[in-house]
């Protein structure tokens, strides 16, 4: 048995509307549907699930490809994200910023 790909990333959020302001409005992940405590975005899918979040810096972090890491980092901060590592060129050839979302989950922006 082998893994054939990633279906979705599930992010626990305290406030669905506040999380959508970052993931949908700033990161541009298209909203596929919203029902009750769940909103499904993008492809591969990012599911925002309203339930008590358990944030941490040592967990799994999603990396989102963006056109302009610096601009999206600034917009993400305005939407409530916190910058851990500001945009910088990395030795592996990407420009990357590391942030936490409004619930404290780590995510990366890369180009």
N, C-alpha and C. Protein backbone atom coordinates (compact mmCIF):
# COMPACT_ATOMS: atom_id res chain seq x y z
N UNK A 1 0.85 -1.18 0.00
CA UNK A 1 0.00 0.00 0.00
C UNK A 1 0.89 1.24 0.00
N UNK A 2 0.58 2.20 -0.86
CA UNK A 2 1.36 3.44 -0.92
C UNK A 2 0.43 4.64 -0.88
N UNK A 3 0.96 5.73 -0.44
CA UNK A 3 0.23 6.99 -0.46
C UNK A 3 0.25 7.50 -1.89
N UNK A 4 -0.90 7.91 -2.40
CA UNK A 4 -0.99 8.38 -3.78
C UNK A 4 -1.03 9.90 -3.89
N UNK A 5 -1.03 10.60 -2.79
CA UNK A 5 -1.07 12.06 -2.83
C UNK A 5 -1.68 12.62 -1.58
N UNK A 6 -1.84 13.93 -1.55
CA UNK A 6 -2.47 14.61 -0.42
C UNK A 6 -3.86 15.03 -0.84
N UNK A 7 -4.88 14.61 -0.10
CA UNK A 7 -6.26 14.98 -0.40
C UNK A 7 -6.58 16.35 0.17
N UNK A 8 -6.24 16.54 1.46
CA UNK A 8 -6.54 17.82 2.09
C UNK A 8 -5.69 18.01 3.33
N UNK A 9 -5.58 19.26 3.73
CA UNK A 9 -4.98 19.66 5.00
C UNK A 9 -6.13 20.20 5.83
N UNK A 10 -6.26 19.72 7.06
CA UNK A 10 -7.35 20.15 7.94
C UNK A 10 -6.75 21.05 9.02
N UNK A 11 -7.32 22.24 9.15
CA UNK A 11 -6.85 23.21 10.12
C UNK A 11 -7.97 23.50 11.11
N UNK A 12 -7.73 23.24 12.39
CA UNK A 12 -8.71 23.55 13.43
C UNK A 12 -8.65 25.04 13.72
N UNK A 13 -9.81 25.68 13.72
CA UNK A 13 -9.88 27.13 13.92
C UNK A 13 -10.93 27.47 14.96
N UNK A 14 -10.67 28.52 15.73
CA UNK A 14 -11.62 28.97 16.75
C UNK A 14 -12.78 29.75 16.13
N UNK A 15 -12.49 30.55 15.10
CA UNK A 15 -13.48 31.42 14.47
C UNK A 15 -13.37 31.25 12.96
N UNK A 16 -14.37 30.65 12.36
CA UNK A 16 -14.32 30.33 10.94
C UNK A 16 -14.22 31.58 10.07
N UNK A 17 -14.98 32.62 10.39
CA UNK A 17 -14.93 33.85 9.59
C UNK A 17 -13.55 34.51 9.66
N UNK A 18 -12.96 34.52 10.83
CA UNK A 18 -11.63 35.12 10.98
C UNK A 18 -10.59 34.32 10.21
N UNK A 19 -10.68 33.00 10.25
CA UNK A 19 -9.75 32.15 9.50
C UNK A 19 -9.94 32.34 7.99
N UNK A 20 -11.19 32.48 7.54
CA UNK A 20 -11.45 32.71 6.12
C UNK A 20 -10.84 34.02 5.64
N UNK A 21 -10.80 35.03 6.51
CA UNK A 21 -10.20 36.31 6.13
C UNK A 21 -8.73 36.14 5.77
N UNK A 22 -8.06 35.16 6.35
CA UNK A 22 -6.66 34.89 6.01
C UNK A 22 -6.56 33.90 4.84
N UNK A 23 -7.11 32.72 5.01
CA UNK A 23 -6.91 31.64 4.03
C UNK A 23 -7.61 31.91 2.70
N UNK A 24 -8.80 32.47 2.73
CA UNK A 24 -9.53 32.76 1.49
C UNK A 24 -9.17 34.13 0.94
N UNK A 25 -9.29 35.16 1.77
CA UNK A 25 -9.17 36.52 1.28
C UNK A 25 -7.73 36.96 1.04
N UNK A 26 -6.79 36.55 1.88
CA UNK A 26 -5.39 36.94 1.69
C UNK A 26 -4.64 35.92 0.83
N UNK A 27 -4.74 34.64 1.18
CA UNK A 27 -3.99 33.62 0.44
C UNK A 27 -4.65 33.26 -0.88
N UNK A 28 -5.91 33.64 -1.05
CA UNK A 28 -6.59 33.43 -2.33
C UNK A 28 -7.04 32.01 -2.59
N UNK A 29 -7.19 31.21 -1.53
CA UNK A 29 -7.70 29.86 -1.72
C UNK A 29 -9.20 29.94 -1.98
N UNK A 30 -9.62 29.51 -3.15
CA UNK A 30 -11.03 29.61 -3.52
C UNK A 30 -11.92 28.79 -2.62
N UNK A 31 -13.02 29.39 -2.19
CA UNK A 31 -13.96 28.68 -1.32
C UNK A 31 -14.82 27.75 -2.17
N UNK A 32 -14.76 26.45 -1.88
CA UNK A 32 -15.54 25.45 -2.60
C UNK A 32 -16.93 25.31 -1.99
N UNK A 33 -16.98 25.21 -0.68
CA UNK A 33 -18.27 25.18 0.02
C UNK A 33 -18.06 25.47 1.49
N UNK A 34 -19.16 25.78 2.11
CA UNK A 34 -19.17 26.05 3.55
C UNK A 34 -20.45 25.47 4.10
N UNK A 35 -20.32 24.66 5.15
CA UNK A 35 -21.49 24.06 5.79
C UNK A 35 -21.22 23.93 7.28
N UNK A 36 -22.04 24.57 8.07
CA UNK A 36 -21.89 24.48 9.52
C UNK A 36 -20.54 24.95 9.99
N UNK A 37 -19.78 24.04 10.58
CA UNK A 37 -18.49 24.37 11.18
C UNK A 37 -17.31 24.14 10.24
N UNK A 38 -17.58 23.92 8.95
CA UNK A 38 -16.53 23.55 8.01
C UNK A 38 -16.57 24.44 6.77
N UNK A 39 -15.39 24.84 6.30
CA UNK A 39 -15.26 25.51 5.00
C UNK A 39 -14.15 24.79 4.24
N UNK A 40 -14.41 24.44 2.99
CA UNK A 40 -13.43 23.76 2.16
C UNK A 40 -12.92 24.74 1.12
N UNK A 41 -11.59 24.83 1.01
CA UNK A 41 -10.95 25.79 0.13
C UNK A 41 -9.92 25.10 -0.75
N UNK A 42 -9.65 25.69 -1.92
CA UNK A 42 -8.49 25.37 -2.74
C UNK A 42 -8.38 23.97 -3.29
N UNK A 43 -7.23 23.72 -3.90
CA UNK A 43 -6.89 22.42 -4.46
C UNK A 43 -5.38 22.29 -4.52
N UNK A 44 -4.70 21.39 -3.75
CA UNK A 44 -5.35 20.46 -2.85
C UNK A 44 -6.14 21.20 -1.78
N UNK A 45 -7.08 20.50 -1.20
CA UNK A 45 -8.03 21.13 -0.30
C UNK A 45 -7.42 21.50 1.04
N UNK A 46 -7.85 22.65 1.53
CA UNK A 46 -7.59 23.07 2.90
C UNK A 46 -8.96 23.19 3.55
N UNK A 47 -9.19 22.35 4.54
CA UNK A 47 -10.46 22.39 5.27
C UNK A 47 -10.26 23.15 6.56
N UNK A 48 -11.03 24.22 6.73
CA UNK A 48 -11.05 24.95 7.99
C UNK A 48 -12.19 24.36 8.81
N UNK A 49 -11.89 23.83 9.99
CA UNK A 49 -12.88 23.16 10.81
C UNK A 49 -12.96 23.88 12.15
N UNK A 50 -14.13 24.45 12.43
CA UNK A 50 -14.29 25.18 13.68
C UNK A 50 -14.41 24.17 14.82
N UNK A 51 -13.37 24.13 15.62
CA UNK A 51 -13.27 23.29 16.81
C UNK A 51 -12.07 23.80 17.58
N UNK A 52 -11.90 23.44 18.85
CA UNK A 52 -10.79 24.01 19.62
C UNK A 52 -9.43 23.72 18.97
N UNK A 53 -8.70 24.76 18.56
CA UNK A 53 -7.39 24.54 17.95
C UNK A 53 -6.34 24.19 19.01
N UNK A 54 -5.36 23.43 18.59
CA UNK A 54 -4.22 23.11 19.44
C UNK A 54 -2.96 23.52 18.68
N UNK A 55 -2.63 24.80 18.71
CA UNK A 55 -1.49 25.28 17.92
C UNK A 55 -0.16 24.85 18.53
N UNK A 56 0.86 24.87 17.69
CA UNK A 56 2.20 24.57 18.16
C UNK A 56 3.21 24.81 17.06
N UNK A 57 4.43 25.09 17.44
CA UNK A 57 5.47 25.38 16.47
C UNK A 57 6.16 24.12 15.95
N UNK A 58 5.93 22.98 16.60
CA UNK A 58 6.64 21.76 16.22
C UNK A 58 5.78 20.81 15.39
N UNK A 59 4.61 21.20 15.01
CA UNK A 59 3.72 20.32 14.26
C UNK A 59 3.97 20.39 12.77
N UNK A 60 3.01 19.93 12.01
CA UNK A 60 3.09 19.95 10.55
C UNK A 60 2.75 21.36 10.08
N UNK A 61 3.49 21.86 9.09
CA UNK A 61 3.23 23.19 8.54
C UNK A 61 3.02 23.07 7.04
N UNK A 62 1.96 23.69 6.56
CA UNK A 62 1.70 23.74 5.12
C UNK A 62 2.48 24.90 4.52
N UNK A 63 2.98 24.70 3.30
CA UNK A 63 3.65 25.77 2.55
C UNK A 63 2.77 26.14 1.37
N UNK A 64 2.46 27.42 1.25
CA UNK A 64 1.60 27.92 0.18
C UNK A 64 2.45 28.69 -0.83
N UNK A 65 2.34 28.33 -2.10
CA UNK A 65 3.06 29.01 -3.16
C UNK A 65 2.32 30.29 -3.51
N UNK A 66 3.02 31.42 -3.47
CA UNK A 66 2.43 32.72 -3.79
C UNK A 66 3.33 33.43 -4.79
N UNK A 67 2.79 34.45 -5.46
CA UNK A 67 3.58 35.20 -6.44
C UNK A 67 4.59 36.13 -5.77
N UNK A 68 4.22 36.73 -4.64
CA UNK A 68 5.06 37.72 -3.98
C UNK A 68 5.03 37.48 -2.48
N UNK A 69 6.04 36.80 -1.97
CA UNK A 69 6.09 36.44 -0.55
C UNK A 69 6.01 37.67 0.34
N UNK A 70 6.71 38.73 -0.02
CA UNK A 70 6.74 39.94 0.81
C UNK A 70 5.35 40.58 0.91
N UNK A 71 4.67 40.72 -0.22
CA UNK A 71 3.36 41.36 -0.23
C UNK A 71 2.32 40.52 0.51
N UNK A 72 2.34 39.21 0.29
CA UNK A 72 1.36 38.35 0.94
C UNK A 72 1.65 38.26 2.44
N UNK A 73 2.91 38.29 2.83
CA UNK A 73 3.25 38.32 4.26
C UNK A 73 2.66 39.56 4.92
N UNK A 74 2.81 40.71 4.29
CA UNK A 74 2.26 41.96 4.84
C UNK A 74 0.74 41.88 4.95
N UNK A 75 0.09 41.35 3.91
CA UNK A 75 -1.38 41.23 3.93
C UNK A 75 -1.82 40.23 5.00
N UNK A 76 -1.06 39.16 5.16
CA UNK A 76 -1.40 38.16 6.18
C UNK A 76 -1.30 38.76 7.58
N UNK A 77 -0.29 39.58 7.81
CA UNK A 77 -0.17 40.25 9.11
C UNK A 77 -1.39 41.13 9.38
N UNK A 78 -1.84 41.85 8.37
CA UNK A 78 -3.02 42.71 8.53
C UNK A 78 -4.27 41.89 8.84
N UNK A 79 -4.30 40.63 8.37
CA UNK A 79 -5.44 39.74 8.62
C UNK A 79 -5.31 38.98 9.94
N UNK A 80 -4.24 39.25 10.71
CA UNK A 80 -4.10 38.66 12.03
C UNK A 80 -3.01 37.60 12.17
N UNK A 81 -2.30 37.28 11.09
CA UNK A 81 -1.19 36.33 11.18
C UNK A 81 0.00 37.00 11.87
N UNK A 82 0.88 36.18 12.43
CA UNK A 82 2.09 36.66 13.09
C UNK A 82 3.31 36.11 12.36
N UNK A 83 4.26 36.97 12.06
CA UNK A 83 5.47 36.54 11.37
C UNK A 83 6.45 35.93 12.36
N UNK A 84 6.89 34.71 12.07
CA UNK A 84 7.94 34.05 12.86
C UNK A 84 9.29 34.35 12.21
N UNK A 85 9.39 34.06 10.93
CA UNK A 85 10.59 34.35 10.14
C UNK A 85 10.17 35.22 8.96
N UNK A 86 10.69 36.43 8.85
CA UNK A 86 10.29 37.32 7.76
C UNK A 86 10.76 36.77 6.41
N UNK A 87 10.22 37.30 5.33
CA UNK A 87 10.63 36.83 4.00
C UNK A 87 12.14 36.90 3.82
N UNK A 88 12.69 35.79 3.31
CA UNK A 88 14.13 35.72 3.07
C UNK A 88 14.40 34.68 2.00
N UNK A 89 15.47 34.90 1.25
CA UNK A 89 15.90 33.93 0.25
C UNK A 89 16.56 32.76 0.98
N UNK A 90 16.17 31.54 0.58
CA UNK A 90 16.66 30.34 1.24
C UNK A 90 17.71 29.65 0.37
N UNK A 91 18.61 28.87 0.99
CA UNK A 91 19.66 28.21 0.22
C UNK A 91 19.13 27.19 -0.80
N UNK A 92 17.91 26.72 -0.61
CA UNK A 92 17.34 25.74 -1.55
C UNK A 92 16.64 26.41 -2.73
N UNK A 93 16.72 27.75 -2.81
CA UNK A 93 16.24 28.47 -3.99
C UNK A 93 14.89 29.12 -3.87
N UNK A 94 14.22 28.99 -2.76
CA UNK A 94 12.91 29.63 -2.58
C UNK A 94 13.07 30.90 -1.74
N UNK A 95 12.13 31.81 -1.92
CA UNK A 95 11.95 32.91 -0.98
C UNK A 95 10.85 32.44 -0.05
N UNK A 96 11.05 32.56 1.25
CA UNK A 96 10.11 31.98 2.20
C UNK A 96 9.89 32.89 3.39
N UNK A 97 8.67 32.88 3.88
CA UNK A 97 8.33 33.48 5.16
C UNK A 97 7.61 32.42 5.98
N UNK A 98 7.82 32.43 7.29
CA UNK A 98 7.14 31.50 8.19
C UNK A 98 6.27 32.33 9.13
N UNK A 99 5.00 31.95 9.23
CA UNK A 99 4.05 32.70 10.03
C UNK A 99 3.21 31.75 10.88
N UNK A 100 2.44 32.32 11.80
CA UNK A 100 1.37 31.57 12.45
C UNK A 100 0.07 32.23 12.05
N UNK A 101 -0.97 31.41 11.89
CA UNK A 101 -2.27 31.96 11.54
C UNK A 101 -2.95 32.52 12.79
N UNK A 102 -4.18 32.92 12.66
CA UNK A 102 -4.88 33.58 13.77
C UNK A 102 -5.13 32.64 14.95
N UNK A 103 -4.96 31.31 14.73
CA UNK A 103 -5.12 30.34 15.81
C UNK A 103 -3.79 29.77 16.29
N UNK A 104 -2.67 30.30 15.76
CA UNK A 104 -1.36 29.88 16.21
C UNK A 104 -0.74 28.73 15.42
N UNK A 105 -1.37 28.29 14.33
CA UNK A 105 -0.81 27.23 13.49
C UNK A 105 0.26 27.80 12.57
N UNK A 106 1.37 27.08 12.45
CA UNK A 106 2.46 27.50 11.58
C UNK A 106 2.11 27.23 10.12
N UNK A 107 2.43 28.19 9.25
CA UNK A 107 2.34 27.97 7.81
C UNK A 107 3.44 28.78 7.15
N UNK A 108 3.79 28.39 5.92
CA UNK A 108 4.86 29.05 5.19
C UNK A 108 4.32 29.64 3.89
N UNK A 109 4.92 30.72 3.47
CA UNK A 109 4.65 31.31 2.15
C UNK A 109 5.94 31.18 1.37
N UNK A 110 5.85 30.65 0.15
CA UNK A 110 7.05 30.44 -0.67
C UNK A 110 6.82 30.89 -2.10
N UNK A 111 7.92 31.28 -2.74
CA UNK A 111 7.90 31.54 -4.18
C UNK A 111 9.25 31.16 -4.75
